[in-house]
Amino acid sequence: CTHRQSPLVFVARSCLPESIHQKMGRVIRAQRKGAGSVFRAHTSKRKGPANFRSLDYSERNGYVKGVVKDILHDPGRGAPLARVTFRDPYKYRLKKELFICAEGLYSGQFIYCGKKAQLSVGNVLPIGEMPEGTIICNVEAKVGDRGTFARASGDYATIISHNHDEGKSRIKLPSGAKKVVDSSVRAMVGLVAGGGRIDKPILKAGRAYHKYHAKRHSWPTVRGVAMNPVDHPHGGGNHQHIGHASTVRRDCPPGAKVGLIAARRTGRLRGTKNIIQAKET
């Protein structure tokens, strides 16, 4: 060979593992989403984070009164928000909070937050102060985290039971799962407004476009089997088929991590739901 390479280049190439020299596919969509870029959520026009008041002495021992000033639409969120104004218990000023709106809440309504608050729709109090069977929303997972569970439109959780000796309560989440939480965690009485939103069919692509335009770049979604082999592990073939198991292990490489990731089971749920419910009762 007449072409001479420098020793430095030769050494650098010899240090590379053999797998680098093999031909590989493109960076797939799941990998590109990790970098953010165009896949970041569209947050510029949103009203702000919807949370309870920061937990303070007045809420732990008594209650504070606020008034609903306005009911707002938040872009990208199905549930409406309520702008609630409280008087600061320590300084001469007003504090505005954004609450997730419970169904039946109206502008001008007084809202009471705290341990001594009454059990009425829109009020916020510890779930240990509510009777079993109460419908609640925007439930805290840990004391003072200002709301975690049952926040989507039409969602609610149900208080199942209280264990006063341990200071724990059992709630049923919108998914149907049961969870034990601290009895001191706060929740709003009632269910989240905006329910029935998904009952209306979308019908046309334009509505889906505007729906996701307010949320993030996640629509339309091209199926992996409709791609070429270079673009997706499910791509290629003379018919649109995966060609291998759709399940993948948890620690597989990023470019192969598509399909049913670390699935415990696959297939339809057939007849197990009634058995689970029977066990719980």
Protein backbone atom coordinates (compact mmCIF):
# COMPACT_ATOMS: atom_id res chain seq x y z
CA CYS A 1 0.00 0.00 0.00
CA THR A 2 1.52 3.31 -1.08
CA HIS A 3 -0.64 5.32 1.35
CA ARG A 4 1.17 5.82 4.66
CA GLN A 5 -0.69 6.53 7.90
CA SER A 6 0.82 8.28 10.89
CA PRO A 7 1.57 6.01 13.89
CA LEU A 8 -0.70 8.19 16.07
CA VAL A 9 -3.76 7.53 13.91
CA PHE A 10 -2.93 3.84 13.74
CA VAL A 11 -2.71 3.54 17.53
CA ALA A 12 -5.93 5.48 18.06
CA ARG A 13 -7.87 3.22 15.69
CA SER A 14 -6.48 0.05 17.16
CA CYS A 15 -7.69 1.09 20.62
CA LEU A 16 -11.35 1.18 19.52
CA PRO A 17 -13.45 -1.89 20.30
CA GLU A 18 -14.67 -3.99 17.37
CA SER A 19 -18.34 -3.10 18.07
CA ILE A 20 -17.72 0.53 17.05
CA HIS A 21 -16.68 -0.56 13.55
CA GLN A 22 -19.86 -2.61 13.02
CA LYS A 23 -22.70 -0.94 11.14
CA MET A 24 -25.49 0.20 13.45
CA GLY A 25 -28.93 1.74 13.00
CA ARG A 26 -29.94 5.32 13.53
CA VAL A 27 -30.55 6.94 16.89
CA ILE A 28 -34.20 6.00 17.44
CA ARG A 29 -36.98 8.29 18.63
CA ALA A 30 -36.90 7.02 22.23
CA GLN A 31 -33.22 8.04 22.46
CA ARG A 32 -33.85 11.48 20.97
CA LYS A 33 -36.59 12.15 23.52
CA GLY A 34 -34.04 11.82 26.31
CA ALA A 35 -32.11 14.84 25.04
CA GLY A 36 -35.17 17.10 25.27
CA SER A 37 -34.93 19.57 22.36
CA VAL A 38 -38.25 19.59 20.47
CA PHE A 39 -39.75 17.05 22.88
CA ARG A 40 -39.76 19.41 25.88
CA ALA A 41 -43.14 20.34 27.34
CA HIS A 42 -44.69 23.60 26.11
CA THR A 43 -44.87 25.56 29.36
CA SER A 44 -44.56 29.21 28.32
CA LYS A 45 -48.30 29.97 28.40
CA ARG A 46 -49.17 27.93 31.48
CA LYS A 47 -50.55 29.69 34.54
CA GLY A 48 -48.16 28.15 37.05
CA PRO A 49 -47.83 25.14 39.36
CA ALA A 50 -51.11 24.11 41.03
CA ASN A 51 -50.38 23.41 44.70
CA PHE A 52 -51.86 23.78 48.15
CA ARG A 53 -50.60 26.45 50.54
CA SER A 54 -47.27 25.75 52.20
CA LEU A 55 -48.05 23.91 55.41
CA ASP A 56 -47.79 26.31 58.36
CA TYR A 57 -48.84 26.63 62.00
CA SER A 58 -52.30 28.00 61.20
CA GLU A 59 -53.16 25.01 59.01
CA ARG A 60 -51.70 22.45 61.40
CA ASN A 61 -53.67 23.73 64.39
CA GLY A 62 -56.64 25.75 63.10
CA TYR A 63 -57.71 26.99 59.68
CA VAL A 64 -57.25 29.88 57.28
CA LYS A 65 -59.90 31.40 55.04
CA GLY A 66 -59.41 32.19 51.37
CA VAL A 67 -61.67 33.42 48.60
CA VAL A 68 -61.85 32.09 45.02
CA LYS A 69 -61.09 35.10 42.82
CA ASP A 70 -61.20 33.41 39.43
CA ILE A 71 -61.60 30.10 37.61
CA LEU A 72 -58.90 29.72 34.93
CA HIS A 73 -58.11 27.46 32.01
CA ASP A 74 -54.54 26.18 32.03
CA PRO A 75 -53.17 25.29 28.55
CA GLY A 76 -52.23 21.63 28.33
CA ARG A 77 -54.26 20.69 31.42
CA GLY A 78 -57.72 19.16 31.32
CA ALA A 79 -58.79 20.42 34.73
CA PRO A 80 -59.56 24.10 35.43
CA LEU A 81 -57.59 26.01 38.06
CA ALA A 82 -58.88 28.27 40.82
CA ARG A 83 -56.99 31.41 41.85
CA VAL A 84 -57.47 31.64 45.62
CA THR A 85 -56.43 34.67 47.69
CA PHE A 86 -55.46 34.28 51.37
CA ARG A 87 -54.48 36.87 53.94
CA ASP A 88 -50.95 36.25 55.12
CA PRO A 89 -51.11 35.19 58.79
CA TYR A 90 -47.75 36.83 59.59
CA LYS A 91 -47.53 39.99 57.43
CA TYR A 92 -49.91 42.63 56.14
CA ARG A 93 -50.29 41.32 52.60
CA LEU A 94 -52.31 38.98 50.42
CA LYS A 95 -51.02 35.67 49.10
CA LYS A 96 -52.37 34.18 45.87
CA GLU A 97 -52.44 30.43 45.34
CA LEU A 98 -53.39 28.27 42.36
CA PHE A 99 -55.55 25.31 43.35
CA ILE A 100 -56.80 22.49 41.17
CA CYS A 101 -60.52 23.21 40.89
CA ALA A 102 -62.95 20.81 42.55
CA GLU A 103 -66.28 20.27 40.83
CA GLY A 104 -68.82 22.79 42.10
CA LEU A 105 -66.28 25.47 43.04
CA TYR A 106 -67.30 29.00 41.99
CA SER A 107 -65.76 32.46 42.00
CA GLY A 108 -66.49 34.34 45.21
CA GLN A 109 -66.65 31.14 47.25
CA PHE A 110 -64.86 31.02 50.60
CA ILE A 111 -62.37 28.16 51.01
CA TYR A 112 -61.11 26.99 54.40
CA CYS A 113 -57.78 25.19 54.77
CA GLY A 114 -56.64 23.54 57.97
CA LYS A 115 -57.24 20.92 60.61
CA LYS A 116 -60.36 22.62 61.99
CA ALA A 117 -61.96 23.30 58.59
CA GLN A 118 -65.45 21.92 57.88
CA LEU A 119 -66.09 18.99 55.57
CA SER A 120 -67.47 20.71 52.48
CA VAL A 121 -66.53 20.69 48.78
CA GLY A 122 -63.43 22.77 48.07
CA ASN A 123 -62.07 22.81 51.62
CA VAL A 124 -58.61 21.40 52.33
CA LEU A 125 -57.97 19.38 55.49
CA PRO A 126 -55.96 16.38 56.70
CA ILE A 127 -57.51 13.09 55.61
CA GLY A 128 -57.37 11.86 59.21
CA GLU A 129 -60.07 14.46 60.01
CA MET A 130 -62.41 13.11 57.28
CA PRO A 131 -64.75 10.13 57.70
CA GLU A 132 -64.27 6.90 55.77
CA GLY A 133 -65.82 6.94 52.31
CA THR A 134 -65.10 10.63 51.68
CA ILE A 135 -64.41 11.56 48.04
CA ILE A 136 -61.18 13.59 47.86
CA CYS A 137 -58.76 14.94 45.24
CA ASN A 138 -55.24 16.41 44.99
CA VAL A 139 -54.02 14.17 47.81
CA GLU A 140 -50.54 14.61 49.23
CA ALA A 141 -48.18 11.62 49.12
CA LYS A 142 -46.09 12.96 52.00
CA VAL A 143 -46.97 15.58 54.58
CA GLY A 144 -46.43 19.06 53.14
CA ASP A 145 -45.73 18.13 49.50
CA ARG A 146 -48.77 20.24 48.42
CA GLY A 147 -50.60 17.63 46.32
CA THR A 148 -49.64 14.57 44.27
CA PHE A 149 -52.49 12.09 43.65
CA ALA A 150 -55.84 12.44 41.83
CA ARG A 151 -55.16 15.72 40.02
CA ALA A 152 -56.43 15.02 36.48
CA SER A 153 -59.87 16.15 35.33
CA GLY A 154 -62.67 14.06 36.80
CA ASP A 155 -60.33 12.10 39.08
CA TYR A 156 -60.90 11.39 42.74
CA ALA A 157 -59.62 9.17 45.53
CA THR A 158 -61.68 7.54 48.27
CA ILE A 159 -60.79 7.19 51.94
CA ILE A 160 -61.16 3.50 52.85
CA SER A 161 -60.09 3.29 56.48
CA HIS A 162 -58.13 4.93 59.29
CA ASN A 163 -55.63 3.35 61.69
CA HIS A 164 -55.57 5.85 64.57
CA ASP A 165 -52.97 3.88 66.55
CA GLU A 166 -50.36 4.15 63.80
CA GLY A 167 -51.56 7.48 62.38
CA LYS A 168 -52.06 5.96 58.92
CA SER A 169 -54.96 5.99 56.48
CA ARG A 170 -55.80 3.79 53.51
CA ILE A 171 -57.03 5.40 50.30
CA LYS A 172 -58.15 4.09 46.93
CA LEU A 173 -56.47 5.90 44.02
CA PRO A 174 -58.06 6.61 40.60
CA SER A 175 -56.17 3.61 39.16
CA GLY A 176 -57.94 1.32 41.62
CA ALA A 177 -54.77 0.73 43.63
CA LYS A 178 -54.93 0.96 47.42
CA LYS A 179 -52.28 3.02 49.20
CA VAL A 180 -51.43 3.62 52.85
CA VAL A 181 -50.52 7.24 53.60
CA ASP A 182 -49.97 9.35 56.69
CA SER A 183 -53.23 10.57 58.23
CA SER A 184 -51.78 14.10 58.35
CA VAL A 185 -51.54 14.46 54.56
CA ARG A 186 -53.94 17.05 53.15
CA ALA A 187 -56.54 16.66 50.44
CA MET A 188 -59.32 18.73 48.91
CA VAL A 189 -62.87 17.54 49.46
CA GLY A 190 -64.66 16.60 46.23
CA LEU A 191 -63.59 15.43 42.80
CA VAL A 192 -61.60 17.34 40.18
CA ALA A 193 -63.67 19.44 37.77
CA GLY A 194 -63.66 18.85 34.01
CA GLY A 195 -64.77 15.22 34.17
CA GLY A 196 -66.09 13.47 31.09
CA ARG A 197 -63.52 15.19 28.90
CA ILE A 198 -62.46 11.98 27.14
CA ASP A 199 -66.05 10.84 26.50
CA LYS A 200 -66.29 13.10 23.45
CA PRO A 201 -64.56 11.52 20.44
CA ILE A 202 -61.77 13.54 18.84
CA LEU A 203 -63.10 12.67 15.33
CA LYS A 204 -60.53 14.61 13.31
CA ALA A 205 -56.78 15.06 13.22
CA GLY A 206 -56.97 18.85 13.68
CA ARG A 207 -58.37 18.48 17.19
CA ALA A 208 -55.64 16.03 18.14
CA TYR A 209 -53.06 18.45 16.73
CA HIS A 210 -54.29 21.34 18.86
CA LYS A 211 -54.61 19.12 21.94
CA TYR A 212 -50.97 18.01 21.82
CA HIS A 213 -49.68 21.36 20.54
CA ALA A 214 -50.49 22.75 24.00
CA LYS A 215 -48.84 19.81 25.77
CA ARG A 216 -45.67 18.61 24.02
CA HIS A 217 -44.41 17.19 20.74
CA SER A 218 -45.81 13.67 21.12
CA TRP A 219 -48.26 13.49 18.18
CA PRO A 220 -48.51 12.06 15.58
CA THR A 221 -46.68 8.86 16.54
CA VAL A 222 -45.25 6.64 13.82
CA ARG A 223 -45.40 2.94 14.68
CA GLY A 224 -42.11 1.08 14.81
CA VAL A 225 -43.32 -1.67 12.45
CA ALA A 226 -44.06 1.00 9.80
CA MET A 227 -40.39 2.11 9.78
CA ASN A 228 -37.31 0.75 8.05
CA PRO A 229 -34.90 -1.55 9.91
CA VAL A 230 -32.38 1.30 10.24
CA ASP A 231 -34.91 3.47 12.12
CA HIS A 232 -36.40 1.03 14.62
CA PRO A 233 -35.88 -2.51 15.96
CA HIS A 234 -39.43 -3.40 14.81
CA GLY A 235 -38.90 -2.06 11.28
CA GLY A 236 -38.60 -3.90 7.97
CA GLY A 237 -40.02 -7.12 6.59
CA ASN A 238 -42.49 -7.86 3.83
CA HIS A 239 -45.45 -7.46 6.15
CA GLN A 240 -45.75 -5.11 9.10
CA HIS A 241 -44.72 -7.45 11.88
CA ILE A 242 -42.24 -7.25 14.76
CA GLY A 243 -40.53 -10.53 13.88
CA HIS A 244 -39.35 -11.27 17.41
CA ALA A 245 -40.63 -11.01 20.96
CA SER A 246 -42.09 -7.59 21.77
CA THR A 247 -40.78 -7.82 25.35
CA VAL A 248 -37.29 -6.53 26.17
CA ARG A 249 -35.24 -6.69 29.31
CA ARG A 250 -34.85 -3.71 31.62
CA ASP A 251 -31.10 -3.27 31.03
CA CYS A 252 -31.03 -3.61 27.24
CA PRO A 253 -29.20 -0.92 25.23
CA PRO A 254 -31.04 2.37 24.58
CA GLY A 255 -31.35 1.73 20.85
CA ALA A 256 -33.09 -1.60 21.48
CA LYS A 257 -35.28 -0.58 24.40
CA VAL A 258 -38.65 -0.53 22.64
CA GLY A 259 -41.83 -2.51 23.02
CA LEU A 260 -42.98 -4.01 26.31
CA ILE A 261 -40.13 -3.10 28.66
CA ALA A 262 -39.54 -5.55 31.53
CA ALA A 263 -43.12 -6.85 31.21
CA ARG A 264 -44.25 -9.08 34.07
CA ARG A 265 -47.03 -10.43 31.88
CA THR A 266 -48.48 -9.82 28.42
CA GLY A 267 -51.83 -10.34 26.76
CA ARG A 268 -55.38 -9.42 27.69
CA LEU A 269 -56.61 -9.22 31.27
CA ARG A 270 -59.05 -12.11 31.31
CA GLY A 271 -61.09 -12.89 34.40
CA THR A 272 -58.51 -11.82 36.96
CA LYS A 273 -60.12 -8.53 38.04
CA ASN A 274 -63.07 -10.22 39.74
CA ILE A 275 -60.72 -12.58 41.56
CA ILE A 276 -58.61 -9.67 42.85
CA GLN A 277 -61.70 -7.80 44.06
CA ALA A 278 -62.99 -10.91 45.78
CA LYS A 279 -59.67 -11.31 47.64
CA GLU A 280 -59.72 -7.68 48.84
CA THR A 281 -63.28 -7.91 50.18
